PDB file of all heavy atoms in Angstrom:
ATOM      1  N   ILE A   1       2.824  -1.540  -5.540  1.00  0.00           N
ATOM      2  CA  ILE A   1       2.426  -2.875  -5.165  1.00  0.00           C
ATOM      3  C   ILE A   1       3.586  -3.716  -4.800  1.00  0.00           C
ATOM      4  O   ILE A   1       3.599  -4.683  -4.034  1.00  0.00           O
ATOM      5  CB  ILE A   1       1.607  -3.557  -6.144  1.00  0.00           C
ATOM      6  CG1 ILE A   1       0.843  -4.705  -5.559  1.00  0.00           C
ATOM      7  CG2 ILE A   1       2.394  -4.066  -7.327  1.00  0.00           C
ATOM      8  CD1 ILE A   1      -0.397  -5.156  -6.237  1.00  0.00           C
ATOM      9  N   THR A   2       4.801  -3.342  -5.274  1.00  0.00           N
ATOM     10  CA  THR A   2       6.072  -4.138  -5.075  1.00  0.00           C
ATOM     11  C   THR A   2       6.449  -4.195  -3.563  1.00  0.00           C
ATOM     12  O   THR A   2       7.055  -5.135  -3.132  1.00  0.00           O
ATOM     13  CB  THR A   2       7.160  -3.621  -5.962  1.00  0.00           C
ATOM     14  OG1 THR A   2       7.426  -2.221  -5.590  1.00  0.00           O
ATOM     15  CG2 THR A   2       7.054  -3.827  -7.362  1.00  0.00           C
ATOM     16  N   LEU A   3       5.952  -3.065  -2.857  1.00  0.00           N
ATOM     17  CA  LEU A   3       6.277  -3.197  -1.317  1.00  0.00           C
ATOM     18  C   LEU A   3       5.551  -4.325  -0.693  1.00  0.00           C
ATOM     19  O   LEU A   3       6.111  -4.834   0.360  1.00  0.00           O
ATOM     20  CB  LEU A   3       5.810  -1.823  -0.754  1.00  0.00           C
ATOM     21  CG  LEU A   3       6.569  -0.670  -1.150  1.00  0.00           C
ATOM     22  CD1 LEU A   3       6.119   0.654  -0.351  1.00  0.00           C
ATOM     23  CD2 LEU A   3       8.109  -0.759  -0.918  1.00  0.00           C
ATOM     24  N   PHE A   4       4.381  -4.803  -1.102  1.00  0.00           N
ATOM     25  CA  PHE A   4       3.772  -5.898  -0.600  1.00  0.00           C
ATOM     26  C   PHE A   4       4.625  -7.112  -0.986  1.00  0.00           C
ATOM     27  O   PHE A   4       4.776  -7.987  -0.078  1.00  0.00           O
ATOM     28  CB  PHE A   4       2.380  -6.069  -1.227  1.00  0.00           C
ATOM     29  CG  PHE A   4       1.397  -5.103  -0.584  1.00  0.00           C
ATOM     30  CD1 PHE A   4       1.090  -4.025  -1.256  1.00  0.00           C
ATOM     31  CD2 PHE A   4       0.730  -5.419   0.615  1.00  0.00           C
ATOM     32  CE1 PHE A   4       0.134  -3.105  -0.725  1.00  0.00           C
ATOM     33  CE2 PHE A   4      -0.209  -4.546   1.175  1.00  0.00           C
ATOM     34  CZ  PHE A   4      -0.486  -3.442   0.494  1.00  0.00           C
ATOM     35  N   ASN A   5       5.061  -7.181  -2.160  1.00  0.00           N
ATOM     36  CA  ASN A   5       5.998  -8.405  -2.506  1.00  0.00           C
ATOM     37  C   ASN A   5       7.223  -8.419  -1.700  1.00  0.00           C
ATOM     38  O   ASN A   5       7.788  -9.487  -1.742  1.00  0.00           O
ATOM     39  CB  ASN A   5       6.321  -8.373  -3.966  1.00  0.00           C
ATOM     40  CG  ASN A   5       5.008  -8.375  -4.866  1.00  0.00           C
ATOM     41  OD1 ASN A   5       4.026  -9.021  -4.443  1.00  0.00           O
ATOM     42  ND2 ASN A   5       5.151  -7.907  -5.992  1.00  0.00           N
ATOM     43  N   ARG A   6       7.654  -7.344  -1.148  1.00  0.00           N
ATOM     44  CA  ARG A   6       8.815  -7.262  -0.442  1.00  0.00           C
ATOM     45  C   ARG A   6       8.782  -7.522   1.114  1.00  0.00           C
ATOM     46  O   ARG A   6       9.614  -7.169   1.959  1.00  0.00           O
ATOM     47  CB  ARG A   6       9.634  -5.967  -0.635  1.00  0.00           C
ATOM     48  CG  ARG A   6      10.128  -5.774  -2.008  1.00  0.00           C
ATOM     49  CD  ARG A   6      10.834  -4.564  -2.301  1.00  0.00           C
ATOM     50  NE  ARG A   6      11.171  -4.347  -3.691  1.00  0.00           N
ATOM     51  CZ  ARG A   6      11.410  -3.196  -4.220  1.00  0.00           C
ATOM     52  NH1 ARG A   6      11.261  -2.119  -3.544  1.00  0.00           N
ATOM     53  NH2 ARG A   6      11.776  -3.206  -5.595  1.00  0.00           N
ATOM     54  N   GLY A   7       7.459  -7.943   1.478  1.00  0.00           N
ATOM     55  CA  GLY A   7       7.264  -8.208   2.877  1.00  0.00           C
ATOM     56  C   GLY A   7       6.986  -6.903   3.733  1.00  0.00           C
ATOM     57  O   GLY A   7       7.119  -6.944   4.990  1.00  0.00           O
ATOM     58  N   GLN A   8       6.427  -5.899   3.106  1.00  0.00           N
ATOM     59  CA  GLN A   8       6.292  -4.647   3.903  1.00  0.00           C
ATOM     60  C   GLN A   8       4.804  -4.368   4.213  1.00  0.00           C
ATOM     61  O   GLN A   8       4.464  -3.334   4.488  1.00  0.00           O
ATOM     62  CB  GLN A   8       6.859  -3.521   3.254  1.00  0.00           C
ATOM     63  CG  GLN A   8       8.485  -3.549   3.093  1.00  0.00           C
ATOM     64  CD  GLN A   8       8.965  -2.315   2.631  1.00  0.00           C
ATOM     65  OE1 GLN A   8       8.387  -1.230   2.597  1.00  0.00           O
ATOM     66  NE2 GLN A   8      10.317  -2.439   2.141  1.00  0.00           N
ATOM     67  N   ALA A   9       3.996  -5.337   3.973  1.00  0.00           N
ATOM     68  CA  ALA A   9       2.490  -5.245   4.338  1.00  0.00           C
ATOM     69  C   ALA A   9       2.267  -4.678   5.620  1.00  0.00           C
ATOM     70  O   ALA A   9       1.481  -3.825   5.730  1.00  0.00           O
ATOM     71  CB  ALA A   9       1.771  -6.353   3.975  1.00  0.00           C
ATOM     72  N   GLY A  10       2.865  -5.215   6.720  1.00  0.00           N
ATOM     73  CA  GLY A  10       2.564  -4.777   8.079  1.00  0.00           C
ATOM     74  C   GLY A  10       2.766  -3.274   8.188  1.00  0.00           C
ATOM     75  O   GLY A  10       1.937  -2.545   8.843  1.00  0.00           O
ATOM     76  N   LYS A  11       3.985  -2.768   7.619  1.00  0.00           N
ATOM     77  CA  LYS A  11       4.223  -1.413   7.742  1.00  0.00           C
ATOM     78  C   LYS A  11       3.196  -0.455   6.859  1.00  0.00           C
ATOM     79  O   LYS A  11       2.742   0.537   7.413  1.00  0.00           O
ATOM     80  CB  LYS A  11       5.610  -1.152   7.218  1.00  0.00           C
ATOM     81  CG  LYS A  11       6.130   0.324   7.215  1.00  0.00           C
ATOM     82  CD  LYS A  11       7.254   0.573   6.517  1.00  0.00           C
ATOM     83  CE  LYS A  11       7.748   2.098   6.519  1.00  0.00           C
ATOM     84  NZ  LYS A  11       6.815   3.075   6.299  1.00  0.00           N
ATOM     85  N   ILE A  12       2.836  -0.946   5.888  1.00  0.00           N
ATOM     86  CA  ILE A  12       1.792  -0.422   4.975  1.00  0.00           C
ATOM     87  C   ILE A  12       0.522  -0.258   5.636  1.00  0.00           C
ATOM     88  O   ILE A  12      -0.131   0.801   5.737  1.00  0.00           O
ATOM     89  CB  ILE A  12       1.642  -1.113   3.570  1.00  0.00           C
ATOM     90  CG1 ILE A  12       2.905  -0.959   2.758  1.00  0.00           C
ATOM     91  CG2 ILE A  12       0.406  -0.426   2.914  1.00  0.00           C
ATOM     92  CD1 ILE A  12       2.814  -1.863   1.654  1.00  0.00           C
ATOM     93  N   PHE A  13       0.091  -1.374   6.341  1.00  0.00           N
ATOM     94  CA  PHE A  13      -1.116  -1.269   7.046  1.00  0.00           C
ATOM     95  C   PHE A  13      -1.109  -0.464   8.198  1.00  0.00           C
ATOM     96  O   PHE A  13      -2.046   0.283   8.529  1.00  0.00           O
ATOM     97  CB  PHE A  13      -1.613  -2.560   7.545  1.00  0.00           C
ATOM     98  CG  PHE A  13      -1.882  -3.646   6.394  1.00  0.00           C
ATOM     99  CD1 PHE A  13      -1.684  -5.010   6.508  1.00  0.00           C
ATOM    100  CD2 PHE A  13      -2.447  -3.171   5.085  1.00  0.00           C
ATOM    101  CE1 PHE A  13      -1.932  -5.899   5.461  1.00  0.00           C
ATOM    102  CE2 PHE A  13      -2.585  -4.041   4.148  1.00  0.00           C
ATOM    103  CZ  PHE A  13      -2.426  -5.468   4.312  1.00  0.00           C
ATOM    104  N   GLU A  14       0.061  -0.370   9.016  1.00  0.00           N
ATOM    105  CA  GLU A  14       0.206   0.479  10.076  1.00  0.00           C
ATOM    106  C   GLU A  14       0.131   2.010   9.580  1.00  0.00           C
ATOM    107  O   GLU A  14      -0.507   2.844  10.218  1.00  0.00           O
ATOM    108  CB  GLU A  14       1.583   0.215  10.764  1.00  0.00           C
ATOM    109  CG  GLU A  14       1.700   1.025  12.047  1.00  0.00           C
ATOM    110  CD  GLU A  14       0.622   0.730  13.149  1.00  0.00           C
ATOM    111  OE1 GLU A  14       0.318  -0.408  13.128  1.00  0.00           O
ATOM    112  OE2 GLU A  14       0.222   1.749  13.911  1.00  0.00           O
ATOM    113  N   ASP A  15       0.803   2.346   8.441  1.00  0.00           N
ATOM    114  CA  ASP A  15       0.722   3.604   7.828  1.00  0.00           C
ATOM    115  C   ASP A  15      -0.710   4.007   7.510  1.00  0.00           C
ATOM    116  O   ASP A  15      -1.222   5.215   7.846  1.00  0.00           O
ATOM    117  CB  ASP A  15       1.655   3.791   6.702  1.00  0.00           C
ATOM    118  CG  ASP A  15       3.004   3.878   7.043  1.00  0.00           C
ATOM    119  OD1 ASP A  15       3.452   4.020   8.221  1.00  0.00           O
ATOM    120  OD2 ASP A  15       3.994   3.869   6.020  1.00  0.00           O
ATOM    121  N   VAL A  16      -1.591   3.076   7.096  1.00  0.00           N
ATOM    122  CA  VAL A  16      -2.899   3.361   6.808  1.00  0.00           C
ATOM    123  C   VAL A  16      -3.655   3.845   8.062  1.00  0.00           C
ATOM    124  O   VAL A  16      -4.386   4.677   8.034  1.00  0.00           O
ATOM    125  CB  VAL A  16      -3.563   2.230   5.957  1.00  0.00           C
ATOM    126  CG1 VAL A  16      -5.004   2.381   5.947  1.00  0.00           C
ATOM    127  CG2 VAL A  16      -2.842   1.974   4.529  1.00  0.00           C
ATOM    128  N   LYS A  17      -3.515   2.986   9.119  1.00  0.00           N
ATOM    129  CA  LYS A  17      -4.107   3.191  10.366  1.00  0.00           C
ATOM    130  C   LYS A  17      -3.753   4.649  10.857  1.00  0.00           C
ATOM    131  O   LYS A  17      -4.631   5.274  11.469  1.00  0.00           O
ATOM    132  CB  LYS A  17      -3.779   2.156  11.304  1.00  0.00           C
ATOM    133  CG  LYS A  17      -4.520   0.855  11.020  1.00  0.00           C
ATOM    134  CD  LYS A  17      -4.016  -0.276  12.219  1.00  0.00           C
ATOM    135  CE  LYS A  17      -4.678  -1.563  11.837  1.00  0.00           C
ATOM    136  NZ  LYS A  17      -4.191  -2.526  12.782  1.00  0.00           N
ATOM    137  N   ARG A  18      -2.457   4.942  10.739  1.00  0.00           N
ATOM    138  CA  ARG A  18      -1.900   6.113  11.427  1.00  0.00           C
ATOM    139  C   ARG A  18      -2.265   7.368  10.473  1.00  0.00           C
ATOM    140  O   ARG A  18      -2.521   8.426  11.136  1.00  0.00           O
ATOM    141  CB  ARG A  18      -0.524   5.980  11.802  1.00  0.00           C
ATOM    142  CG  ARG A  18      -0.110   4.985  12.863  1.00  0.00           C
ATOM    143  CD  ARG A  18       1.311   4.906  13.126  1.00  0.00           C
ATOM    144  NE  ARG A  18       1.731   6.179  13.656  1.00  0.00           N
ATOM    145  CZ  ARG A  18       3.039   6.737  13.348  1.00  0.00           C
ATOM    146  NH1 ARG A  18       3.843   5.925  12.761  1.00  0.00           N
ATOM    147  NH2 ARG A  18       3.389   7.781  13.866  1.00  0.00           N
ATOM    148  N   PHE A  19      -2.014   7.282   9.217  1.00  0.00           N
ATOM    149  CA  PHE A  19      -1.963   8.470   8.361  1.00  0.00           C
ATOM    150  C   PHE A  19      -3.184   8.498   7.310  1.00  0.00           C
ATOM    151  O   PHE A  19      -3.276   9.594   6.698  1.00  0.00           O
ATOM    152  CB  PHE A  19      -0.645   8.563   7.601  1.00  0.00           C
ATOM    153  CG  PHE A  19       0.602   8.636   8.565  1.00  0.00           C
ATOM    154  CD1 PHE A  19       1.373   7.543   8.646  1.00  0.00           C
ATOM    155  CD2 PHE A  19       0.735   9.598   9.483  1.00  0.00           C
ATOM    156  CE1 PHE A  19       2.608   7.587   9.405  1.00  0.00           C
ATOM    157  CE2 PHE A  19       1.830   9.581  10.284  1.00  0.00           C
ATOM    158  CZ  PHE A  19       2.647   8.583  10.316  1.00  0.00           C
ATOM    159  N   GLY A  20      -3.903   7.442   7.366  1.00  0.00           N
ATOM    160  CA  GLY A  20      -5.108   7.495   6.274  1.00  0.00           C
ATOM    161  C   GLY A  20      -4.826   6.665   5.114  1.00  0.00           C
ATOM    162  O   GLY A  20      -3.856   5.894   4.978  1.00  0.00           O
ATOM    163  N   ALA A  21      -5.849   6.828   4.202  1.00  0.00           N
ATOM    164  CA  ALA A  21      -5.843   5.943   2.910  1.00  0.00           C
ATOM    165  C   ALA A  21      -4.552   6.100   2.105  1.00  0.00           C
ATOM    166  O   ALA A  21      -3.863   7.043   2.114  1.00  0.00           O
ATOM    167  CB  ALA A  21      -7.054   6.360   2.152  1.00  0.00           C
ATOM    168  N   LYS A  22      -4.313   5.008   1.490  1.00  0.00           N
ATOM    169  CA  LYS A  22      -3.231   4.846   0.529  1.00  0.00           C
ATOM    170  C   LYS A  22      -3.657   4.254  -0.742  1.00  0.00           C
ATOM    171  O   LYS A  22      -4.614   3.241  -0.738  1.00  0.00           O
ATOM    172  CB  LYS A  22      -2.091   3.946   1.061  1.00  0.00           C
ATOM    173  CG  LYS A  22      -1.488   4.340   2.442  1.00  0.00           C
ATOM    174  CD  LYS A  22      -0.482   5.340   2.156  1.00  0.00           C
ATOM    175  CE  LYS A  22       0.162   5.728   3.549  1.00  0.00           C
ATOM    176  NZ  LYS A  22       0.846   6.961   3.422  1.00  0.00           N
ATOM    177  N   VAL A  23      -3.254   4.713  -1.939  1.00  0.00           N
ATOM    178  CA  VAL A  23      -3.504   4.228  -3.174  1.00  0.00           C
ATOM    179  C   VAL A  23      -2.368   3.278  -3.651  1.00  0.00           C
ATOM    180  O   VAL A  23      -1.236   3.698  -3.614  1.00  0.00           O
ATOM    181  CB  VAL A  23      -3.656   5.292  -4.281  1.00  0.00           C
ATOM    182  CG1 VAL A  23      -3.905   4.799  -5.622  1.00  0.00           C
ATOM    183  CG2 VAL A  23      -4.745   6.296  -3.796  1.00  0.00           C
ATOM    184  N   VAL A  24      -2.766   2.040  -3.905  1.00  0.00           N
ATOM    185  CA  VAL A  24      -1.789   0.921  -4.296  1.00  0.00           C
ATOM    186  C   VAL A  24      -1.705   1.072  -5.842  1.00  0.00           C
ATOM    187  O   VAL A  24      -2.617   0.964  -6.589  1.00  0.00           O
ATOM    188  CB  VAL A  24      -2.170  -0.377  -3.825  1.00  0.00           C
ATOM    189  CG1 VAL A  24      -1.182  -1.414  -4.410  1.00  0.00           C
ATOM    190  CG2 VAL A  24      -2.317  -0.296  -2.358  1.00  0.00           C
ATOM    191  N   MET A  25      -0.408   1.267  -6.322  1.00  0.00           N
ATOM    192  CA  MET A  25      -0.164   1.230  -7.711  1.00  0.00           C
ATOM    193  C   MET A  25       0.444   0.218  -8.302  1.00  0.00           C
ATOM    194  O   MET A  25       1.316  -0.502  -7.614  1.00  0.00           O
ATOM    195  CB  MET A  25       0.798   2.547  -8.034  1.00  0.00           C
ATOM    196  CG  MET A  25       0.376   3.895  -7.523  1.00  0.00           C
ATOM    197  SD  MET A  25      -1.115   4.596  -8.294  1.00  0.00           S
ATOM    198  CE  MET A  25      -0.489   4.973  -9.808  1.00  0.00           C
ATOM    199  N   LYS A  26      -0.016  -0.329  -9.384  1.00  0.00           N
ATOM    200  CA  LYS A  26       0.457  -1.478 -10.184  1.00  0.00           C
ATOM    201  C   LYS A  26       0.742  -0.990 -11.662  1.00  0.00           C
ATOM    202  O   LYS A  26      -0.179  -0.624 -12.316  1.00  0.00           O
ATOM    203  CB  LYS A  26      -0.416  -2.577 -10.132  1.00  0.00           C
ATOM    204  CG  LYS A  26       0.044  -3.779 -10.775  1.00  0.00           C
ATOM    205  CD  LYS A  26      -1.081  -5.029 -10.550  1.00  0.00           C
ATOM    206  CE  LYS A  26      -0.525  -6.252 -11.406  1.00  0.00           C
ATOM    207  NZ  LYS A  26      -1.590  -7.223 -11.113  1.00  0.00           N
ATOM    208  N   ASN A  27       1.850  -1.067 -12.033  1.00  0.00           N
ATOM    209  CA  ASN A  27       2.323  -0.768 -13.461  1.00  0.00           C
ATOM    210  C   ASN A  27       1.843   0.656 -13.731  1.00  0.00           C
ATOM    211  O   ASN A  27       1.266   1.004 -14.733  1.00  0.00           O
ATOM    212  CB  ASN A  27       1.779  -1.669 -14.454  1.00  0.00           C
ATOM    213  CG  ASN A  27       2.252  -2.976 -14.372  1.00  0.00           C
ATOM    214  OD1 ASN A  27       3.400  -3.209 -13.947  1.00  0.00           O
ATOM    215  ND2 ASN A  27       1.329  -4.052 -14.454  1.00  0.00           N
ATOM    216  N   ASN A  28       2.060   1.537 -12.700  1.00  0.00           N
ATOM    217  CA  ASN A  28       1.772   2.960 -12.885  1.00  0.00           C
ATOM    218  C   ASN A  28       0.291   3.385 -12.964  1.00  0.00           C
ATOM    219  O   ASN A  28      -0.114   4.421 -13.492  1.00  0.00           O
ATOM    220  CB  ASN A  28       2.521   3.701 -13.913  1.00  0.00           C
ATOM    221  CG  ASN A  28       4.044   3.783 -13.628  1.00  0.00           C
ATOM    222  OD1 ASN A  28       4.522   3.867 -12.466  1.00  0.00           O
ATOM    223  ND2 ASN A  28       4.798   3.624 -14.657  1.00  0.00           N
ATOM    224  N   VAL A  29      -0.602   2.477 -12.577  1.00  0.00           N
ATOM    225  CA  VAL A  29      -2.009   2.469 -12.635  1.00  0.00           C
ATOM    226  C   VAL A  29      -2.524   2.227 -11.218  1.00  0.00           C
ATOM    227  O   VAL A  29      -2.158   1.257 -10.541  1.00  0.00           O
ATOM    228  CB  VAL A  29      -2.705   1.655 -13.657  1.00  0.00           C
ATOM    229  CG1 VAL A  29      -4.219   1.852 -13.616  1.00  0.00           C
ATOM    230  CG2 VAL A  29      -2.216   1.934 -14.987  1.00  0.00           C
ATOM    231  N   ALA A  30      -3.484   3.084 -10.757  1.00  0.00           N
ATOM    232  CA  ALA A  30      -4.151   2.842  -9.442  1.00  0.00           C
ATOM    233  C   ALA A  30      -4.959   1.546  -9.405  1.00  0.00           C
ATOM    234  O   ALA A  30      -5.646   1.305 -10.356  1.00  0.00           O
ATOM    235  CB  ALA A  30      -5.098   4.005  -9.095  1.00  0.00           C
ATOM    236  N   GLU A  31      -4.403   0.681  -8.599  1.00  0.00           N
ATOM    237  CA  GLU A  31      -4.974  -0.779  -8.526  1.00  0.00           C
ATOM    238  C   GLU A  31      -6.236  -0.884  -7.509  1.00  0.00           C
ATOM    239  O   GLU A  31      -7.180  -1.509  -7.711  1.00  0.00           O
ATOM    240  CB  GLU A  31      -3.876  -1.800  -8.090  1.00  0.00           C
ATOM    241  CG  GLU A  31      -4.257  -3.177  -8.250  1.00  0.00           C
ATOM    242  CD  GLU A  31      -4.628  -3.700  -9.688  1.00  0.00           C
ATOM    243  OE1 GLU A  31      -4.183  -2.940 -10.614  1.00  0.00           O
ATOM    244  OE2 GLU A  31      -5.285  -4.679  -9.758  1.00  0.00           O
ATOM    245  N   CYS A  32      -5.825  -0.230  -6.244  1.00  0.00           N
ATOM    246  CA  CYS A  32      -6.927  -0.251  -5.231  1.00  0.00           C
ATOM    247  C   CYS A  32      -6.660   0.890  -4.152  1.00  0.00           C
ATOM    248  O   CYS A  32      -5.520   1.385  -4.245  1.00  0.00           O
ATOM    249  CB  CYS A  32      -6.964  -1.682  -4.548  1.00  0.00           C
ATOM    250  SG  CYS A  32      -5.475  -2.085  -3.570  1.00  0.00           S
ATOM    251  N   VAL A  33      -7.532   1.045  -3.222  1.00  0.00           N
ATOM    252  CA  VAL A  33      -7.344   2.016  -2.237  1.00  0.00           C
ATOM    253  C   VAL A  33      -7.404   1.288  -0.785  1.00  0.00           C
ATOM    254  O   VAL A  33      -8.269   0.532  -0.656  1.00  0.00           O
ATOM    255  CB  VAL A  33      -8.446   3.059  -2.310  1.00  0.00           C
ATOM    256  CG1 VAL A  33      -8.253   4.020  -1.202  1.00  0.00           C
ATOM    257  CG2 VAL A  33      -8.298   3.913  -3.561  1.00  0.00           C
ATOM    258  N   LEU A  34      -6.439   1.489  -0.044  1.00  0.00           N
ATOM    259  CA  LEU A  34      -6.436   0.865   1.349  1.00  0.00           C
ATOM    260  C   LEU A  34      -6.990   1.919   2.325  1.00  0.00           C
ATOM    261  O   LEU A  34      -6.477   2.951   2.388  1.00  0.00           O
ATOM    262  CB  LEU A  34      -4.951   0.462   1.764  1.00  0.00           C
ATOM    263  CG  LEU A  34      -4.388  -0.592   0.859  1.00  0.00           C
ATOM    264  CD1 LEU A  34      -2.913  -0.880   1.223  1.00  0.00           C
ATOM    265  CD2 LEU A  34      -5.126  -1.946   0.909  1.00  0.00           C
TER     266      LEU A  34
END
């Protein structure tokens, strides 16, 4: 989840569109699925 805090949301969303679902981890626990 720290990647979102570092301003990389756009890149993450593009990766989801191109390569499929991503699991967002927070404190080593799955927080959500994009």
